[in-house]
N, C-alpha and C. Protein backbone atom coordinates (compact mmCIF):
# COMPACT_ATOMS: atom_id res chain seq x y z
N UNK A 1 68.40 -256.71 -58.64
CA UNK A 1 66.93 -256.57 -58.62
C UNK A 1 66.25 -257.11 -57.38
N UNK A 2 66.92 -258.20 -56.81
CA UNK A 2 66.38 -258.73 -55.53
C UNK A 2 66.34 -257.93 -54.30
N UNK A 3 67.18 -256.81 -54.39
CA UNK A 3 67.26 -255.92 -53.30
C UNK A 3 66.22 -254.75 -53.36
N UNK A 4 65.56 -254.68 -54.35
CA UNK A 4 64.67 -253.54 -54.58
C UNK A 4 63.18 -253.76 -54.13
N UNK A 5 62.93 -255.09 -53.92
CA UNK A 5 61.66 -255.36 -53.35
C UNK A 5 61.34 -255.02 -51.88
N UNK A 6 60.38 -254.35 -51.61
CA UNK A 6 60.14 -253.88 -50.23
C UNK A 6 59.02 -254.69 -49.66
N UNK A 7 58.41 -255.63 -50.27
CA UNK A 7 57.24 -256.43 -49.64
C UNK A 7 57.89 -257.23 -48.57
N UNK A 8 57.48 -257.16 -47.27
CA UNK A 8 57.73 -258.04 -46.14
C UNK A 8 59.09 -257.49 -45.52
N UNK A 9 59.65 -256.38 -45.88
CA UNK A 9 60.85 -255.87 -45.36
C UNK A 9 60.65 -254.83 -44.38
N UNK A 10 61.31 -254.61 -43.30
CA UNK A 10 60.91 -253.60 -42.22
C UNK A 10 61.50 -252.32 -42.72
N UNK A 11 60.64 -251.21 -42.69
CA UNK A 11 61.00 -249.95 -43.07
C UNK A 11 60.70 -249.08 -41.91
N UNK A 12 61.69 -248.55 -41.23
CA UNK A 12 61.58 -247.65 -39.94
C UNK A 12 60.93 -246.28 -40.40
N UNK A 13 59.64 -246.10 -40.13
CA UNK A 13 58.88 -245.00 -40.48
C UNK A 13 58.51 -244.49 -39.30
N UNK A 14 57.96 -243.09 -39.34
CA UNK A 14 57.57 -242.35 -38.10
C UNK A 14 56.23 -241.74 -38.44
N UNK A 15 55.16 -242.50 -38.53
CA UNK A 15 53.78 -241.98 -38.86
C UNK A 15 53.10 -242.12 -37.51
N UNK A 16 51.74 -241.57 -37.49
CA UNK A 16 50.75 -241.78 -36.38
C UNK A 16 50.64 -243.17 -36.10
N UNK A 17 50.38 -243.96 -37.07
CA UNK A 17 50.05 -245.49 -36.77
C UNK A 17 51.39 -246.08 -36.29
N UNK A 18 52.66 -245.78 -36.73
CA UNK A 18 53.83 -246.31 -36.15
C UNK A 18 54.15 -246.08 -34.76
N UNK A 19 53.68 -244.87 -34.25
CA UNK A 19 53.82 -244.47 -32.88
C UNK A 19 52.79 -244.97 -31.87
N UNK A 20 51.76 -245.51 -32.41
CA UNK A 20 50.49 -245.82 -31.54
C UNK A 20 50.81 -247.16 -30.76
N UNK A 21 50.11 -247.18 -29.60
CA UNK A 21 50.23 -248.43 -28.86
C UNK A 21 49.69 -249.46 -29.56
N UNK A 22 50.32 -250.94 -29.46
CA UNK A 22 49.82 -251.93 -30.24
C UNK A 22 48.27 -252.17 -29.91
N UNK A 23 47.84 -252.04 -28.87
CA UNK A 23 46.35 -252.18 -28.50
C UNK A 23 45.48 -251.31 -29.44
N UNK A 24 45.91 -250.16 -29.30
CA UNK A 24 45.23 -248.96 -30.14
C UNK A 24 45.32 -249.28 -31.62
N UNK A 25 46.42 -249.85 -32.10
CA UNK A 25 46.37 -250.34 -33.46
C UNK A 25 45.28 -251.30 -33.80
N UNK A 26 45.28 -252.38 -32.86
CA UNK A 26 44.18 -253.39 -33.08
C UNK A 26 42.81 -252.79 -33.18
N UNK A 27 42.48 -251.92 -32.31
CA UNK A 27 41.20 -251.48 -32.44
C UNK A 27 40.99 -250.48 -33.51
N UNK A 28 41.87 -249.76 -33.88
CA UNK A 28 41.85 -249.15 -35.05
C UNK A 28 41.58 -249.75 -36.37
N UNK A 29 42.36 -250.93 -36.45
CA UNK A 29 42.20 -251.80 -37.55
C UNK A 29 40.70 -252.43 -37.60
N UNK A 30 40.21 -252.98 -36.36
CA UNK A 30 38.83 -253.51 -36.21
C UNK A 30 37.85 -252.33 -36.70
N UNK A 31 37.88 -251.16 -36.16
CA UNK A 31 37.00 -250.10 -36.37
C UNK A 31 37.07 -249.86 -37.83
N UNK A 32 38.32 -249.71 -38.52
CA UNK A 32 38.43 -249.57 -39.94
C UNK A 32 37.78 -250.49 -40.75
N UNK A 33 37.95 -251.88 -40.38
CA UNK A 33 37.10 -252.87 -41.16
C UNK A 33 35.80 -252.74 -41.17
N UNK A 34 35.12 -252.32 -39.90
CA UNK A 34 33.71 -252.36 -39.69
C UNK A 34 33.31 -251.21 -40.57
N UNK A 35 34.00 -250.13 -40.72
CA UNK A 35 33.60 -248.83 -41.52
C UNK A 35 33.60 -249.25 -43.00
N UNK A 36 34.64 -250.11 -43.43
CA UNK A 36 34.60 -250.27 -44.78
C UNK A 36 33.58 -251.41 -45.19
N UNK A 37 32.99 -252.13 -44.07
CA UNK A 37 31.71 -253.01 -44.50
C UNK A 37 30.54 -252.24 -44.92
N UNK A 38 30.50 -250.97 -44.19
CA UNK A 38 29.32 -250.16 -44.32
C UNK A 38 29.48 -249.19 -45.52
N UNK A 39 30.44 -249.20 -46.12
CA UNK A 39 30.71 -248.31 -47.46
C UNK A 39 29.76 -248.97 -48.48
N UNK A 40 29.03 -248.15 -49.19
CA UNK A 40 28.24 -248.65 -50.27
C UNK A 40 28.40 -247.98 -51.75
N UNK A 41 29.51 -247.06 -51.75
CA UNK A 41 29.60 -246.48 -52.91
C UNK A 41 31.18 -246.26 -53.10
N UNK A 42 31.39 -246.01 -54.59
CA UNK A 42 32.89 -245.83 -54.77
C UNK A 42 33.43 -244.55 -54.16
N UNK A 43 32.64 -243.45 -53.98
CA UNK A 43 33.24 -242.18 -53.41
C UNK A 43 33.48 -242.51 -51.77
N UNK A 44 32.70 -243.36 -51.29
CA UNK A 44 32.97 -243.61 -49.82
C UNK A 44 34.27 -244.53 -49.60
N UNK A 45 34.44 -245.44 -50.63
CA UNK A 45 35.69 -246.07 -50.79
C UNK A 45 36.98 -245.15 -50.91
N UNK A 46 36.79 -244.17 -51.68
CA UNK A 46 37.73 -243.13 -51.91
C UNK A 46 38.07 -242.33 -50.50
N UNK A 47 37.01 -241.92 -49.84
CA UNK A 47 37.18 -241.28 -48.65
C UNK A 47 37.98 -242.15 -47.59
N UNK A 48 37.46 -243.40 -47.43
CA UNK A 48 38.14 -244.35 -46.61
C UNK A 48 39.69 -244.48 -47.10
N UNK A 49 40.01 -244.52 -48.32
CA UNK A 49 41.34 -244.80 -48.59
C UNK A 49 42.18 -243.30 -48.35
N UNK A 50 41.55 -242.41 -48.40
CA UNK A 50 42.09 -241.01 -48.03
C UNK A 50 42.58 -240.98 -46.48
N UNK A 51 41.48 -241.43 -45.79
CA UNK A 51 41.65 -241.48 -44.31
C UNK A 51 42.89 -242.42 -43.93
N UNK A 52 42.85 -243.58 -44.55
CA UNK A 52 43.92 -244.44 -44.19
C UNK A 52 45.39 -243.84 -44.66
N UNK A 53 45.41 -243.32 -45.83
CA UNK A 53 46.71 -242.72 -46.35
C UNK A 53 47.07 -241.46 -45.34
N UNK A 54 46.12 -240.68 -44.87
CA UNK A 54 46.58 -239.54 -43.79
C UNK A 54 47.13 -240.21 -42.51
N UNK A 55 46.57 -241.26 -42.11
CA UNK A 55 46.98 -241.87 -40.97
C UNK A 55 48.36 -242.67 -41.12
N UNK A 56 48.68 -243.07 -42.31
CA UNK A 56 49.82 -243.86 -42.66
C UNK A 56 50.99 -242.77 -42.83
N UNK A 57 50.84 -241.64 -43.20
CA UNK A 57 52.04 -240.62 -43.54
C UNK A 57 51.78 -239.54 -42.63
């Protein structure tokens, strides 16, 4: 059971975010955090989650 946990384990994936330059990743995360603070409704949070999932896969 110990081997089934993936938290903190390196997973070699090939998404848009994984191929980005590290500086661009930092800029993207900062921009995304600012956008999340401007969300005021649950549908907006849903859209933000959708955008994040699209970039991750």
